[in-house]
């Protein structure tokens, strides 16, 4: 089943790497296994990150079933597994996991931030998401609805992750991490059933914009909006990207030039 070919390729605004249709089918099977197994879920990460996560859970007194906040926190080592030098290749199950992760509210933004700025920003962001999730649950609404209520009331915390995501900082992101993640996420997007692609494409778009590649970033957003015209994330990023580049751009270019000269 080639779930990624609903429309003719000529209608697409970007080109993703070719993948074997059989691989795409296997990713779909992994997605169905996760769906059928809910609420239990298996989380895949590198061995190094798994041991670190286990140590963190034990040091915090964790035992038995994980809480919602603890489960969200495990997304941080999952993302860091992308940069584990001991991992030679990401399996199809890991790609399926990334596809599912990005289908949840706020995870694409958090993934982009952690890729660009490292583990600590990821941990900071997921602590906030966990707080939002608890508050949304207590009110009987979704996280998206809770965040929208904050936006309407103009009380969304303008904290460090938000400033970084909007490019309102001179802190320089990691070129190496971003380029590596873009290559991996392009393959994940190619393996994903088309309806699942927009959040992944938004992450890639943000990482391109963070490197000053605004035209490329907007092309990825156009593809996301072609698939999901009502995508709030893609629309919001499109407005941001059209307006400006990140404040760190000059320093980022200097850092790249210095690295090349070295």
Protein backbone atom coordinates (compact mmCIF):
# COMPACT_ATOMS: atom_id res chain seq x y z
CA UNK A 1 0.00 0.00 0.00
CA UNK A 2 1.70 3.21 -1.16
CA UNK A 3 0.00 5.66 1.19
CA UNK A 4 2.35 8.45 0.12
CA UNK A 5 1.19 8.69 -3.51
CA UNK A 6 -2.37 10.00 -3.21
CA UNK A 7 -1.55 12.93 -5.50
CA UNK A 8 0.70 13.09 -8.55
CA UNK A 9 4.29 13.93 -7.63
CA UNK A 10 4.22 16.90 -10.03
CA UNK A 11 1.77 18.63 -7.67
CA UNK A 12 4.22 18.52 -4.78
CA UNK A 13 6.33 21.53 -3.93
CA UNK A 14 9.33 19.56 -2.61
CA UNK A 15 11.11 16.31 -3.38
CA UNK A 16 11.65 13.77 -0.63
CA UNK A 17 14.24 10.98 -0.88
CA UNK A 18 13.01 7.80 -2.60
CA UNK A 19 12.05 4.93 -0.33
CA UNK A 20 11.14 1.36 -1.00
CA UNK A 21 7.32 0.95 -0.99
CA UNK A 22 7.81 -2.16 1.12
CA UNK A 23 9.60 -0.07 3.76
CA UNK A 24 6.72 2.39 3.77
CA UNK A 25 4.29 -0.48 4.23
CA UNK A 26 6.33 -1.75 7.19
CA UNK A 27 6.25 1.70 8.79
CA UNK A 28 2.47 1.69 8.39
CA UNK A 29 2.35 -1.72 10.07
CA UNK A 30 4.38 -0.34 12.99
CA UNK A 31 1.90 2.53 13.32
CA UNK A 32 -1.00 0.07 13.44
CA UNK A 33 0.77 -2.06 16.07
CA UNK A 34 1.15 1.02 18.28
CA UNK A 35 -2.50 1.97 17.76
CA UNK A 36 -3.71 -1.52 18.62
CA UNK A 37 -1.48 -1.68 21.71
CA UNK A 38 -2.61 1.56 23.31
CA UNK A 39 -2.54 2.64 26.13
CA UNK A 40 0.67 0.63 26.43
CA UNK A 41 3.46 1.73 24.11
CA UNK A 42 7.04 0.68 23.46
CA UNK A 43 9.55 3.53 23.24
CA UNK A 44 12.60 3.03 21.04
CA UNK A 45 15.88 4.85 21.70
CA UNK A 46 19.62 4.18 21.57
CA UNK A 47 21.19 1.97 24.24
CA UNK A 48 23.18 4.87 25.67
CA UNK A 49 20.08 7.04 25.97
CA UNK A 50 18.04 4.15 27.42
CA UNK A 51 20.53 3.63 30.25
CA UNK A 52 20.65 7.35 30.94
CA UNK A 53 16.84 7.57 30.98
CA UNK A 54 16.63 4.59 33.34
CA UNK A 55 19.13 6.20 35.72
CA UNK A 56 17.17 9.46 35.66
CA UNK A 57 13.88 7.70 36.41
CA UNK A 58 15.39 5.69 39.26
CA UNK A 59 17.08 8.75 40.78
CA UNK A 60 13.72 10.52 40.78
CA UNK A 61 12.05 7.62 42.56
CA UNK A 62 10.20 6.36 39.51
CA UNK A 63 8.80 2.83 39.61
CA UNK A 64 6.04 0.89 37.94
CA UNK A 65 3.94 2.51 35.23
CA UNK A 66 5.24 5.84 34.01
CA UNK A 67 3.27 9.00 34.66
CA UNK A 68 2.18 11.19 31.74
CA UNK A 69 4.96 13.66 32.55
CA UNK A 70 7.58 10.88 32.72
CA UNK A 71 6.43 9.52 29.36
CA UNK A 72 6.69 12.96 27.78
CA UNK A 73 10.15 13.35 29.28
CA UNK A 74 11.33 10.22 27.46
CA UNK A 75 10.93 12.08 24.18
CA UNK A 76 14.11 13.97 25.09
CA UNK A 77 16.35 10.84 24.97
CA UNK A 78 14.49 9.69 21.87
CA UNK A 79 15.53 12.92 20.11
CA UNK A 80 19.09 12.68 21.45
CA UNK A 81 19.29 9.19 19.96
CA UNK A 82 19.47 10.95 16.58
CA UNK A 83 22.92 12.18 17.58
CA UNK A 84 24.28 9.06 19.28
CA UNK A 85 27.49 8.17 17.42
CA UNK A 86 27.05 4.51 18.41
CA UNK A 87 23.87 4.31 16.30
CA UNK A 88 24.78 3.35 12.73
CA UNK A 89 21.28 3.34 11.29
CA UNK A 90 17.77 4.19 12.46
CA UNK A 91 15.35 1.32 12.01
CA UNK A 92 11.88 1.60 10.52
CA UNK A 93 10.35 1.27 13.98
CA UNK A 94 12.24 4.38 15.10
CA UNK A 95 11.00 6.32 12.06
CA UNK A 96 7.44 5.22 12.86
CA UNK A 97 7.95 6.49 16.41
CA UNK A 98 9.04 9.91 15.12
CA UNK A 99 5.96 10.03 12.90
CA UNK A 100 3.67 9.37 15.87
CA UNK A 101 5.53 11.78 18.15
CA UNK A 102 5.08 14.66 15.74
CA UNK A 103 1.36 13.97 15.46
CA UNK A 104 0.89 15.23 19.04
CA UNK A 105 0.46 18.92 19.97
CA UNK A 106 3.62 20.95 20.67
CA UNK A 107 5.97 18.02 19.95
CA UNK A 108 7.11 19.29 16.51
CA UNK A 109 8.13 22.65 18.00
CA UNK A 110 9.94 20.92 20.86
CA UNK A 111 11.72 18.54 18.49
CA UNK A 112 12.97 21.46 16.38
CA UNK A 113 14.21 23.36 19.43
CA UNK A 114 16.02 20.38 20.93
CA UNK A 115 17.70 19.57 17.63
CA UNK A 116 18.94 23.13 17.27
CA UNK A 117 19.85 24.00 20.86
CA UNK A 118 20.43 20.73 22.67
CA UNK A 119 19.15 18.52 25.46
CA UNK A 120 18.62 21.15 28.16
CA UNK A 121 16.25 23.19 25.99
CA UNK A 122 14.37 19.97 25.20
CA UNK A 123 14.04 19.16 28.90
CA UNK A 124 12.86 22.70 29.66
CA UNK A 125 10.27 22.57 26.90
CA UNK A 126 8.89 19.17 27.90
CA UNK A 127 8.48 20.24 31.53
CA UNK A 128 6.29 23.05 30.22
CA UNK A 129 4.32 20.70 27.96
CA UNK A 130 3.73 18.38 30.91
CA UNK A 131 2.34 21.30 32.95
CA UNK A 132 0.09 22.32 30.06
CA UNK A 133 -1.12 18.72 29.65
CA UNK A 134 -2.10 18.48 33.32
CA UNK A 135 -3.94 21.81 33.23
CA UNK A 136 -5.73 20.90 30.01
CA UNK A 137 -6.76 17.53 31.48
CA UNK A 138 -8.10 19.21 34.62
CA UNK A 139 -10.24 21.49 32.44
CA UNK A 140 -11.45 18.66 30.22
CA UNK A 141 -9.92 20.13 27.05
CA UNK A 142 -7.07 19.25 24.70
CA UNK A 143 -3.60 20.76 24.94
CA UNK A 144 -4.23 22.58 21.65
CA UNK A 145 -7.42 24.10 23.08
CA UNK A 146 -5.61 25.11 26.27
CA UNK A 147 -2.80 26.80 24.33
CA UNK A 148 -5.36 28.55 22.12
CA UNK A 149 -7.11 29.86 25.24
CA UNK A 150 -3.78 31.25 26.44
CA UNK A 151 -3.17 32.84 23.05
CA UNK A 152 -6.59 34.50 22.95
CA UNK A 153 -6.04 35.84 26.47
CA UNK A 154 -2.52 36.96 25.40
CA UNK A 155 -0.95 35.20 28.38
CA UNK A 156 1.28 32.61 26.67
CA UNK A 157 4.54 32.67 28.67
CA UNK A 158 7.23 34.45 26.63
CA UNK A 159 9.87 32.15 28.05
CA UNK A 160 13.21 31.08 26.60
CA UNK A 161 11.88 28.24 24.39
CA UNK A 162 9.25 30.56 22.90
CA UNK A 163 11.84 33.26 22.18
CA UNK A 164 14.16 30.72 20.57
CA UNK A 165 11.38 29.26 18.45
CA UNK A 166 10.47 32.73 17.19
CA UNK A 167 14.11 33.52 16.45
CA UNK A 168 14.14 36.29 19.08
CA UNK A 169 17.60 35.41 20.37
CA UNK A 170 21.23 35.76 19.37
CA UNK A 171 22.06 32.30 20.68
CA UNK A 172 23.59 30.34 17.79
CA UNK A 173 22.02 26.91 17.02
CA UNK A 174 24.08 23.84 16.14
CA UNK A 175 24.64 23.56 12.39
CA UNK A 176 25.86 19.96 12.70
CA UNK A 177 22.78 18.80 14.64
CA UNK A 178 20.37 20.63 12.34
CA UNK A 179 21.88 19.25 9.13
CA UNK A 180 21.94 15.72 10.50
CA UNK A 181 18.33 15.97 11.68
CA UNK A 182 17.13 17.39 8.36
CA UNK A 183 18.57 14.41 6.48
CA UNK A 184 16.98 11.94 8.91
CA UNK A 185 13.61 13.70 9.03
CA UNK A 186 13.43 13.89 5.25
CA UNK A 187 13.63 10.09 5.21
CA UNK A 188 11.05 9.88 8.00
CA UNK A 189 8.74 12.13 5.97
CA UNK A 190 9.21 9.98 2.88
CA UNK A 191 8.32 6.87 4.88
CA UNK A 192 5.27 8.49 6.49
CA UNK A 193 1.73 8.11 5.14
CA UNK A 194 0.98 11.46 3.52
CA UNK A 195 -1.61 12.63 6.12
CA UNK A 196 1.09 12.26 8.81
CA UNK A 197 3.70 14.34 6.96
CA UNK A 198 2.77 18.00 7.70
CA UNK A 199 4.19 18.19 11.26
CA UNK A 200 7.44 16.57 10.11
CA UNK A 201 7.65 18.98 7.18
CA UNK A 202 7.12 21.88 9.59
CA UNK A 203 10.07 20.71 11.70
CA UNK A 204 12.28 20.53 8.61
CA UNK A 205 11.03 23.96 7.52
CA UNK A 206 11.94 25.50 10.88
CA UNK A 207 15.42 23.94 10.79
CA UNK A 208 15.95 25.34 7.28
CA UNK A 209 14.78 28.78 8.37
CA UNK A 210 17.08 28.61 11.40
CA UNK A 211 19.97 28.30 8.92
CA UNK A 212 18.81 31.28 6.86
CA UNK A 213 17.27 29.20 4.06
CA UNK A 214 13.94 30.99 4.03
CA UNK A 215 12.88 30.08 0.48
CA UNK A 216 13.53 26.38 1.12
CA UNK A 217 11.71 26.59 4.46
CA UNK A 218 8.66 28.16 2.84
CA UNK A 219 8.62 25.42 0.17
CA UNK A 220 8.34 22.79 2.93
CA UNK A 221 5.51 24.76 4.53
CA UNK A 222 3.70 24.98 1.20
CA UNK A 223 3.89 21.20 0.94
CA UNK A 224 2.55 20.85 4.49
CA UNK A 225 -0.34 23.18 3.65
CA UNK A 226 -1.02 21.33 0.39
CA UNK A 227 -1.57 18.18 2.43
CA UNK A 228 -3.29 19.86 5.38
CA UNK A 229 -4.66 23.30 4.42
CA UNK A 230 -5.90 23.87 7.99
CA UNK A 231 -2.50 23.25 9.63
CA UNK A 232 -2.20 25.92 12.33
CA UNK A 233 1.52 25.22 12.80
CA UNK A 234 2.35 25.54 9.09
CA UNK A 235 0.29 28.70 8.73
CA UNK A 236 1.87 30.34 11.78
CA UNK A 237 5.39 29.45 10.66
CA UNK A 238 4.64 30.78 7.19
CA UNK A 239 3.76 34.17 8.66
CA UNK A 240 6.91 34.20 10.80
CA UNK A 241 9.25 33.09 8.01
CA UNK A 242 7.85 35.62 5.54
CA UNK A 243 8.43 38.43 8.03
CA UNK A 244 12.01 37.86 9.13
CA UNK A 245 15.06 35.69 9.65
CA UNK A 246 16.23 34.74 13.17
CA UNK A 247 18.20 37.30 15.15
CA UNK A 248 21.10 34.84 15.44
CA UNK A 249 21.60 34.74 11.66
CA UNK A 250 24.68 36.98 11.46
CA UNK A 251 26.42 35.16 14.28
CA UNK A 252 25.41 31.81 12.77
CA UNK A 253 27.05 32.67 9.45
CA UNK A 254 30.19 33.81 11.29
CA UNK A 255 30.30 30.51 13.18
CA UNK A 256 29.94 28.51 9.95
CA UNK A 257 32.69 30.52 8.26
CA UNK A 258 35.02 30.08 11.25
CA UNK A 259 34.37 26.32 11.24
CA UNK A 260 35.18 26.06 7.53
CA UNK A 261 38.37 28.09 7.99
CA UNK A 262 39.47 25.81 10.84
